[in-house]
């Protein structure tokens, strides 16, 4: 008898809902919309968070249920960071614009820092986002040996 690895078995379905945060700087919003349109069916099976304008565009254009926060420069990045610190976000898809200075750059850095400390995947471009959203790991139950980043644990208390 052969054993299949659930991770590699395309016929094995999982029901693990994830918290996915979606953020895009202004020049990256069209790319975020195109990416989300491609992966709409997958996104619809998860709990979605987004900053203000990005969330509005995705909700309106793709008819997705999205928990929306303020615009990034008005505190939305910090609100997403708070959800990461609470353990509600499992994946951050953040299409940021590397060529335009952002007035809220410290908030952007803080958001990325929290994601790294919480040991969650961060996709900053479409290629990486494609890999992560299509990974069988997205729907798998959490590994009991993976308790999260020990660096982040003191912040969760």
C-alpha atoms as a PDB file:
ATOM      1  CA  UNK A   1       0.000   0.000   0.000  1.00  0.00           C
ATOM      2  CA  UNK A   2       1.398   3.398  -0.935  1.00  0.00           C
ATOM      3  CA  UNK A   3       0.898   6.425   1.202  1.00  0.00           C
ATOM      4  CA  UNK A   4       0.253   9.826  -0.341  1.00  0.00           C
ATOM      5  CA  UNK A   5       1.550  12.987   1.155  1.00  0.00           C
ATOM      6  CA  UNK A   6      -1.478  15.266   1.739  1.00  0.00           C
ATOM      7  CA  UNK A   7       0.711  18.212   0.859  1.00  0.00           C
ATOM      8  CA  UNK A   8       1.313  16.855  -2.639  1.00  0.00           C
ATOM      9  CA  UNK A   9      -2.084  15.233  -3.266  1.00  0.00           C
ATOM     10  CA  UNK A  10      -4.122  17.604  -5.466  1.00  0.00           C
ATOM     11  CA  UNK A  11      -7.316  15.662  -4.679  1.00  0.00           C
ATOM     12  CA  UNK A  12      -6.982  16.183  -0.933  1.00  0.00           C
ATOM     13  CA  UNK A  13      -9.045  19.163   0.194  1.00  0.00           C
ATOM     14  CA  UNK A  14      -8.532  21.131   3.363  1.00  0.00           C
ATOM     15  CA  UNK A  15     -10.890  23.516   5.074  1.00  0.00           C
ATOM     16  CA  UNK A  16      -8.472  25.707   7.014  1.00  0.00           C
ATOM     17  CA  UNK A  17      -9.611  29.337   6.913  1.00  0.00           C
ATOM     18  CA  UNK A  18      -6.770  31.830   7.034  1.00  0.00           C
ATOM     19  CA  UNK A  19      -6.657  35.528   7.790  1.00  0.00           C
ATOM     20  CA  UNK A  20      -5.251  37.274   4.727  1.00  0.00           C
ATOM     21  CA  UNK A  21      -4.324  40.956   4.811  1.00  0.00           C
ATOM     22  CA  UNK A  22      -4.283  42.823   1.486  1.00  0.00           C
ATOM     23  CA  UNK A  23      -2.467  46.139   1.168  1.00  0.00           C
ATOM     24  CA  UNK A  24      -1.403  48.038  -1.955  1.00  0.00           C
ATOM     25  CA  UNK A  25       0.157  51.425  -2.470  1.00  0.00           C
ATOM     26  CA  UNK A  26      -1.615  53.650  -4.995  1.00  0.00           C
ATOM     27  CA  UNK A  27       0.526  52.767  -8.024  1.00  0.00           C
ATOM     28  CA  UNK A  28       0.174  49.058  -7.165  1.00  0.00           C
ATOM     29  CA  UNK A  29      -3.615  48.944  -6.765  1.00  0.00           C
ATOM     30  CA  UNK A  30      -4.275  47.887 -10.400  1.00  0.00           C
ATOM     31  CA  UNK A  31      -1.827  45.001  -9.979  1.00  0.00           C
ATOM     32  CA  UNK A  32      -3.465  43.987  -6.682  1.00  0.00           C
ATOM     33  CA  UNK A  33      -6.886  44.014  -8.354  1.00  0.00           C
ATOM     34  CA  UNK A  34      -5.618  41.899 -11.267  1.00  0.00           C
ATOM     35  CA  UNK A  35      -3.992  39.434  -8.858  1.00  0.00           C
ATOM     36  CA  UNK A  36      -7.074  39.215  -6.640  1.00  0.00           C
ATOM     37  CA  UNK A  37      -9.300  38.710  -9.682  1.00  0.00           C
ATOM     38  CA  UNK A  38      -7.141  35.742 -10.711  1.00  0.00           C
ATOM     39  CA  UNK A  39      -7.331  34.233  -7.216  1.00  0.00           C
ATOM     40  CA  UNK A  40     -10.843  35.357  -6.266  1.00  0.00           C
ATOM     41  CA  UNK A  41     -12.176  31.844  -5.572  1.00  0.00           C
ATOM     42  CA  UNK A  42      -9.336  31.113  -3.153  1.00  0.00           C
ATOM     43  CA  UNK A  43      -9.582  34.495  -1.452  1.00  0.00           C
ATOM     44  CA  UNK A  44     -13.347  34.069  -0.968  1.00  0.00           C
ATOM     45  CA  UNK A  45     -12.704  31.002   1.236  1.00  0.00           C
ATOM     46  CA  UNK A  46     -10.672  33.031   3.734  1.00  0.00           C
ATOM     47  CA  UNK A  47     -11.113  35.935   6.168  1.00  0.00           C
ATOM     48  CA  UNK A  48      -9.905  39.045   4.362  1.00  0.00           C
ATOM     49  CA  UNK A  49      -8.564  42.271   5.816  1.00  0.00           C
ATOM     50  CA  UNK A  50      -7.503  45.314   3.824  1.00  0.00           C
ATOM     51  CA  UNK A  51      -6.588  48.940   4.181  1.00  0.00           C
ATOM     52  CA  UNK A  52      -9.248  51.457   3.133  1.00  0.00           C
ATOM     53  CA  UNK A  53      -9.007  52.161  -0.569  1.00  0.00           C
ATOM     54  CA  UNK A  54      -7.571  48.767  -1.469  1.00  0.00           C
ATOM     55  CA  UNK A  55     -10.362  47.042   0.418  1.00  0.00           C
ATOM     56  CA  UNK A  56     -12.993  49.213  -1.239  1.00  0.00           C
ATOM     57  CA  UNK A  57     -11.708  48.458  -4.729  1.00  0.00           C
ATOM     58  CA  UNK A  58     -11.523  44.708  -4.090  1.00  0.00           C
ATOM     59  CA  UNK A  59     -14.941  44.553  -2.407  1.00  0.00           C
ATOM     60  CA  UNK A  60     -16.633  46.568  -5.167  1.00  0.00           C
ATOM     61  CA  UNK A  61     -14.932  44.982  -8.161  1.00  0.00           C
ATOM     62  CA  UNK A  62     -14.854  41.358  -6.968  1.00  0.00           C
ATOM     63  CA  UNK A  63     -17.825  41.198  -4.605  1.00  0.00           C
ATOM     64  CA  UNK A  64     -15.657  39.938  -1.743  1.00  0.00           C
ATOM     65  CA  UNK A  65     -16.415  40.294   1.948  1.00  0.00           C
ATOM     66  CA  UNK A  66     -13.517  42.298   3.366  1.00  0.00           C
ATOM     67  CA  UNK A  67     -12.901  43.740   6.808  1.00  0.00           C
ATOM     68  CA  UNK A  68     -11.725  47.235   5.918  1.00  0.00           C
ATOM     69  CA  UNK A  69      -9.523  49.493   7.963  1.00  0.00           C
ATOM     70  CA  UNK A  70      -8.419  53.078   7.471  1.00  0.00           C
ATOM     71  CA  UNK A  71      -6.207  54.106   4.600  1.00  0.00           C
ATOM     72  CA  UNK A  72      -2.556  53.206   5.196  1.00  0.00           C
ATOM     73  CA  UNK A  73      -1.354  56.776   5.821  1.00  0.00           C
ATOM     74  CA  UNK A  74      -4.278  57.333   8.223  1.00  0.00           C
ATOM     75  CA  UNK A  75      -3.482  54.349  10.443  1.00  0.00           C
ATOM     76  CA  UNK A  76      -4.591  51.371   8.339  1.00  0.00           C
ATOM     77  CA  UNK A  77      -1.107  49.833   8.280  1.00  0.00           C
ATOM     78  CA  UNK A  78      -1.048  50.027  12.069  1.00  0.00           C
ATOM     79  CA  UNK A  79      -4.506  48.443  12.291  1.00  0.00           C
ATOM     80  CA  UNK A  80      -3.348  45.527  10.123  1.00  0.00           C
ATOM     81  CA  UNK A  81      -0.237  45.293  12.325  1.00  0.00           C
ATOM     82  CA  UNK A  82      -2.493  45.053  15.359  1.00  0.00           C
ATOM     83  CA  UNK A  83      -4.340  42.105  13.796  1.00  0.00           C
ATOM     84  CA  UNK A  84      -0.981  40.441  13.119  1.00  0.00           C
ATOM     85  CA  UNK A  85       0.011  40.938  16.768  1.00  0.00           C
ATOM     86  CA  UNK A  86      -3.320  39.388  17.830  1.00  0.00           C
ATOM     87  CA  UNK A  87      -2.654  36.332  15.654  1.00  0.00           C
ATOM     88  CA  UNK A  88      -5.603  37.002  13.315  1.00  0.00           C
ATOM     89  CA  UNK A  89      -3.484  37.378  10.158  1.00  0.00           C
ATOM     90  CA  UNK A  90      -1.776  34.358   8.612  1.00  0.00           C
ATOM     91  CA  UNK A  91      -0.610  35.948   5.358  1.00  0.00           C
ATOM     92  CA  UNK A  92       0.254  39.503   4.339  1.00  0.00           C
ATOM     93  CA  UNK A  93       0.027  40.396   0.649  1.00  0.00           C
ATOM     94  CA  UNK A  94       1.506  43.893   0.477  1.00  0.00           C
ATOM     95  CA  UNK A  95       2.179  45.312  -2.968  1.00  0.00           C
ATOM     96  CA  UNK A  96       4.300  48.287  -2.022  1.00  0.00           C
ATOM     97  CA  UNK A  97       5.772  50.804  -4.397  1.00  0.00           C
ATOM     98  CA  UNK A  98       9.588  50.753  -4.152  1.00  0.00           C
ATOM     99  CA  UNK A  99       9.950  53.786  -6.443  1.00  0.00           C
ATOM    100  CA  UNK A 100       7.741  56.308  -4.650  1.00  0.00           C
ATOM    101  CA  UNK A 101       8.466  57.738  -1.213  1.00  0.00           C
ATOM    102  CA  UNK A 102       5.609  57.132   1.210  1.00  0.00           C
ATOM    103  CA  UNK A 103       4.698  59.678   3.879  1.00  0.00           C
ATOM    104  CA  UNK A 104       3.907  56.812   6.257  1.00  0.00           C
ATOM    105  CA  UNK A 105       7.148  54.887   5.639  1.00  0.00           C
ATOM    106  CA  UNK A 106       7.703  54.236   9.383  1.00  0.00           C
ATOM    107  CA  UNK A 107       4.277  52.533   9.514  1.00  0.00           C
ATOM    108  CA  UNK A 108       5.163  50.412   6.479  1.00  0.00           C
ATOM    109  CA  UNK A 109       8.424  49.293   8.104  1.00  0.00           C
ATOM    110  CA  UNK A 110       6.622  48.561  11.377  1.00  0.00           C
ATOM    111  CA  UNK A 111       4.010  46.446   9.555  1.00  0.00           C
ATOM    112  CA  UNK A 112       6.682  44.417   7.765  1.00  0.00           C
ATOM    113  CA  UNK A 113       8.634  44.038  11.024  1.00  0.00           C
ATOM    114  CA  UNK A 114       5.547  42.655  12.813  1.00  0.00           C
ATOM    115  CA  UNK A 115       4.910  40.182   9.992  1.00  0.00           C
ATOM    116  CA  UNK A 116       8.483  38.892  10.180  1.00  0.00           C
ATOM    117  CA  UNK A 117       8.363  38.645  13.977  1.00  0.00           C
ATOM    118  CA  UNK A 118       5.049  36.771  13.798  1.00  0.00           C
ATOM    119  CA  UNK A 119       6.596  34.385  11.251  1.00  0.00           C
ATOM    120  CA  UNK A 120       3.850  34.837   8.671  1.00  0.00           C
ATOM    121  CA  UNK A 121       4.436  34.789   4.918  1.00  0.00           C
ATOM    122  CA  UNK A 122       4.764  38.200   3.275  1.00  0.00           C
ATOM    123  CA  UNK A 123       4.276  38.596  -0.471  1.00  0.00           C
ATOM    124  CA  UNK A 124       5.429  41.950  -1.820  1.00  0.00           C
ATOM    125  CA  UNK A 125       4.945  41.270  -5.522  1.00  0.00           C
ATOM    126  CA  UNK A 126       2.663  39.278  -7.781  1.00  0.00           C
ATOM    127  CA  UNK A 127       5.104  36.435  -8.392  1.00  0.00           C
ATOM    128  CA  UNK A 128       5.513  35.736  -4.680  1.00  0.00           C
ATOM    129  CA  UNK A 129       1.805  36.207  -4.014  1.00  0.00           C
ATOM    130  CA  UNK A 130       1.029  33.652  -6.748  1.00  0.00           C
ATOM    131  CA  UNK A 131       3.345  31.102  -5.136  1.00  0.00           C
ATOM    132  CA  UNK A 132       1.925  31.622  -1.647  1.00  0.00           C
ATOM    133  CA  UNK A 133      -1.785  31.681  -2.528  1.00  0.00           C
ATOM    134  CA  UNK A 134      -1.489  28.498  -4.600  1.00  0.00           C
ATOM    135  CA  UNK A 135       0.607  26.620  -2.041  1.00  0.00           C
ATOM    136  CA  UNK A 136      -1.052  23.563  -0.497  1.00  0.00           C
ATOM    137  CA  UNK A 137       0.327  24.829   2.824  1.00  0.00           C
ATOM    138  CA  UNK A 138      -2.231  27.652   2.785  1.00  0.00           C
ATOM    139  CA  UNK A 139      -5.108  25.328   3.625  1.00  0.00           C
ATOM    140  CA  UNK A 140      -3.308  22.815   5.814  1.00  0.00           C
ATOM    141  CA  UNK A 141      -3.915  22.646   9.532  1.00  0.00           C
ATOM    142  CA  UNK A 142      -1.219  24.309  11.567  1.00  0.00           C
ATOM    143  CA  UNK A 143       1.798  22.170  12.370  1.00  0.00           C
ATOM    144  CA  UNK A 144       1.686  21.437  16.125  1.00  0.00           C
ATOM    145  CA  UNK A 145       5.483  21.694  16.250  1.00  0.00           C
ATOM    146  CA  UNK A 146       5.352  25.216  14.841  1.00  0.00           C
ATOM    147  CA  UNK A 147       4.347  27.396  17.749  1.00  0.00           C
ATOM    148  CA  UNK A 148       5.261  30.672  16.125  1.00  0.00           C
ATOM    149  CA  UNK A 149       8.331  32.786  16.352  1.00  0.00           C
ATOM    150  CA  UNK A 150       9.948  32.738  19.791  1.00  0.00           C
ATOM    151  CA  UNK A 151      10.921  36.369  19.174  1.00  0.00           C
ATOM    152  CA  UNK A 152       7.236  37.299  18.841  1.00  0.00           C
ATOM    153  CA  UNK A 153       5.908  35.258  21.793  1.00  0.00           C
ATOM    154  CA  UNK A 154       6.550  37.967  24.439  1.00  0.00           C
ATOM    155  CA  UNK A 155       4.401  40.403  22.435  1.00  0.00           C
ATOM    156  CA  UNK A 156       1.419  38.040  22.310  1.00  0.00           C
ATOM    157  CA  UNK A 157       0.878  38.034  26.079  1.00  0.00           C
END
